[in-house]
Structures are given as structure tokens and as C-alpha cells.
């Protein structure tokens, strides 16, 4: 995951802790408030931020489940990115 991704994602997350949220690949996005409506807004932001379109087969609950799964879907569309 890169800084551009985590900076883009943070405003979509509901975090009540005093410490800044440390985003890890296994961070559960649903637990932090990303519901179906948020996912649609997030999708538009991803497209604007990275200049990509996620394929229809990636527009599912599994992709939007964790920060890591979402990043893998994004990275797969970026030229020269390694998704492993």
C-alpha cells in the first residue's frame, strides 16, 4: 500500500481513537464504517486519484473488505505495480 492510497482512504474511515489510525493490509474497512454507499463514493475517489477504472468483477464485498484487498485491486490496474 502506498501513501497516496492511505491518504485517500482515511477520510472514509470512522475512527474514534486519540491516536492516528494505523492502516494495515488487514484493516477491516466495514468495521471502520465503509458501507455500500461509502464504497460507491470511495470508488469514484479511487478513479479520480489513480486515473483507473476497477473492472466490474472487482466491484464486490471481498474487494472492499480490507485495506489490503482494496489496494490489490487498485495496484492490479496500475502500470508497473506489483500486487503480491
C-alpha atoms as a PDB file:
ATOM      1  CA  UNK A   1       0.000   0.000   0.000  1.00  0.00           C
ATOM      2  CA  UNK A   2       1.339   3.412  -0.805  1.00  0.00           C
ATOM      3  CA  UNK A   3       0.903   6.780   0.917  1.00  0.00           C
ATOM      4  CA  UNK A   4      -1.381   8.120  -1.795  1.00  0.00           C
ATOM      5  CA  UNK A   5      -3.751   5.191  -1.138  1.00  0.00           C
ATOM      6  CA  UNK A   6      -3.761   5.544   2.651  1.00  0.00           C
ATOM      7  CA  UNK A   7      -4.199   9.333   2.444  1.00  0.00           C
ATOM      8  CA  UNK A   8      -7.152   8.849   0.078  1.00  0.00           C
ATOM      9  CA  UNK A   9      -8.734   6.173   2.291  1.00  0.00           C
ATOM     10  CA  UNK A  10      -8.504   7.882   5.706  1.00  0.00           C
ATOM     11  CA  UNK A  11     -11.397  10.366   5.228  1.00  0.00           C
ATOM     12  CA  UNK A  12     -13.761   7.446   4.552  1.00  0.00           C
ATOM     13  CA  UNK A  13     -12.994   5.732   7.865  1.00  0.00           C
ATOM     14  CA  UNK A  14     -14.696   6.351  11.183  1.00  0.00           C
ATOM     15  CA  UNK A  15     -12.043   6.251  13.893  1.00  0.00           C
ATOM     16  CA  UNK A  16     -12.691   7.359  17.458  1.00  0.00           C
ATOM     17  CA  UNK A  17      -9.244   6.758  18.951  1.00  0.00           C
ATOM     18  CA  UNK A  18      -6.923   9.520  20.091  1.00  0.00           C
ATOM     19  CA  UNK A  19      -4.021   8.034  18.137  1.00  0.00           C
ATOM     20  CA  UNK A  20      -3.955   8.273  14.337  1.00  0.00           C
ATOM     21  CA  UNK A  21      -5.301   5.155  12.668  1.00  0.00           C
ATOM     22  CA  UNK A  22      -2.507   2.852  11.501  1.00  0.00           C
ATOM     23  CA  UNK A  23      -3.716   1.316   8.251  1.00  0.00           C
ATOM     24  CA  UNK A  24      -2.500  -2.235   7.715  1.00  0.00           C
ATOM     25  CA  UNK A  25      -3.416  -4.630   4.902  1.00  0.00           C
ATOM     26  CA  UNK A  26      -5.791  -6.463   7.260  1.00  0.00           C
ATOM     27  CA  UNK A  27      -7.607  -3.300   8.416  1.00  0.00           C
ATOM     28  CA  UNK A  28     -11.331  -4.161   8.266  1.00  0.00           C
ATOM     29  CA  UNK A  29     -12.968  -1.389   6.248  1.00  0.00           C
ATOM     30  CA  UNK A  30     -16.519  -2.415   7.154  1.00  0.00           C
ATOM     31  CA  UNK A  31     -15.719  -2.194  10.857  1.00  0.00           C
ATOM     32  CA  UNK A  32     -14.497   1.356  10.243  1.00  0.00           C
ATOM     33  CA  UNK A  33     -17.682   2.477   8.530  1.00  0.00           C
ATOM     34  CA  UNK A  34     -17.274   1.659   4.846  1.00  0.00           C
ATOM     35  CA  UNK A  35     -20.781   0.537   3.898  1.00  0.00           C
ATOM     36  CA  UNK A  36     -22.217   0.123   0.393  1.00  0.00           C
ATOM     37  CA  UNK A  37     -22.863   3.858  -0.033  1.00  0.00           C
ATOM     38  CA  UNK A  38     -19.360   4.735   1.185  1.00  0.00           C
ATOM     39  CA  UNK A  39     -17.921   2.124  -1.190  1.00  0.00           C
ATOM     40  CA  UNK A  40     -19.547   3.882  -4.150  1.00  0.00           C
ATOM     41  CA  UNK A  41     -18.092   7.237  -3.077  1.00  0.00           C
ATOM     42  CA  UNK A  42     -14.748   5.558  -2.474  1.00  0.00           C
ATOM     43  CA  UNK A  43     -14.846   4.028  -5.953  1.00  0.00           C
ATOM     44  CA  UNK A  44     -15.230   7.471  -7.558  1.00  0.00           C
ATOM     45  CA  UNK A  45     -12.379   8.804  -5.428  1.00  0.00           C
ATOM     46  CA  UNK A  46     -10.166   5.870  -6.436  1.00  0.00           C
ATOM     47  CA  UNK A  47     -10.877   6.538 -10.104  1.00  0.00           C
ATOM     48  CA  UNK A  48     -10.068  10.249  -9.708  1.00  0.00           C
ATOM     49  CA  UNK A  49      -6.974   9.729  -7.551  1.00  0.00           C
ATOM     50  CA  UNK A  50      -5.350   6.957  -9.560  1.00  0.00           C
ATOM     51  CA  UNK A  51      -6.824   7.585 -13.016  1.00  0.00           C
ATOM     52  CA  UNK A  52      -8.052   3.999 -13.289  1.00  0.00           C
ATOM     53  CA  UNK A  53     -11.320   2.107 -13.504  1.00  0.00           C
ATOM     54  CA  UNK A  54     -11.738  -1.046 -11.470  1.00  0.00           C
ATOM     55  CA  UNK A  55     -13.133  -3.920 -13.537  1.00  0.00           C
ATOM     56  CA  UNK A  56     -16.709  -4.992 -12.805  1.00  0.00           C
ATOM     57  CA  UNK A  57     -15.505  -8.286 -11.321  1.00  0.00           C
ATOM     58  CA  UNK A  58     -13.631  -6.314  -8.618  1.00  0.00           C
ATOM     59  CA  UNK A  59     -16.707  -4.361  -7.537  1.00  0.00           C
ATOM     60  CA  UNK A  60     -17.713  -6.683  -4.711  1.00  0.00           C
ATOM     61  CA  UNK A  61     -17.686  -7.066  -0.932  1.00  0.00           C
ATOM     62  CA  UNK A  62     -14.434  -9.028  -0.976  1.00  0.00           C
ATOM     63  CA  UNK A  63     -12.534  -6.208  -2.688  1.00  0.00           C
ATOM     64  CA  UNK A  64     -13.846  -3.606  -0.237  1.00  0.00           C
ATOM     65  CA  UNK A  65     -13.420  -5.835   2.867  1.00  0.00           C
ATOM     66  CA  UNK A  66      -9.901  -4.791   3.899  1.00  0.00           C
ATOM     67  CA  UNK A  67      -7.385  -2.110   3.026  1.00  0.00           C
ATOM     68  CA  UNK A  68      -5.127  -4.791   1.551  1.00  0.00           C
ATOM     69  CA  UNK A  69      -7.776  -6.321  -0.704  1.00  0.00           C
ATOM     70  CA  UNK A  70      -8.759  -2.893  -1.980  1.00  0.00           C
ATOM     71  CA  UNK A  71      -5.128  -1.937  -2.585  1.00  0.00           C
ATOM     72  CA  UNK A  72      -4.528  -5.180  -4.520  1.00  0.00           C
ATOM     73  CA  UNK A  73      -7.447  -4.393  -6.833  1.00  0.00           C
ATOM     74  CA  UNK A  74      -6.107  -0.871  -7.402  1.00  0.00           C
ATOM     75  CA  UNK A  75      -2.483  -1.944  -7.845  1.00  0.00           C
ATOM     76  CA  UNK A  76      -3.515  -4.558 -10.422  1.00  0.00           C
ATOM     77  CA  UNK A  77      -4.742  -1.691 -12.630  1.00  0.00           C
ATOM     78  CA  UNK A  78      -1.647   0.496 -12.211  1.00  0.00           C
ATOM     79  CA  UNK A  79       1.137   0.107 -14.754  1.00  0.00           C
ATOM     80  CA  UNK A  80       4.290  -1.328 -13.210  1.00  0.00           C
ATOM     81  CA  UNK A  81       2.762  -2.126  -9.793  1.00  0.00           C
ATOM     82  CA  UNK A  82       3.468  -5.409  -8.037  1.00  0.00           C
ATOM     83  CA  UNK A  83       0.326  -6.741  -6.336  1.00  0.00           C
ATOM     84  CA  UNK A  84       1.831  -9.502  -4.184  1.00  0.00           C
END
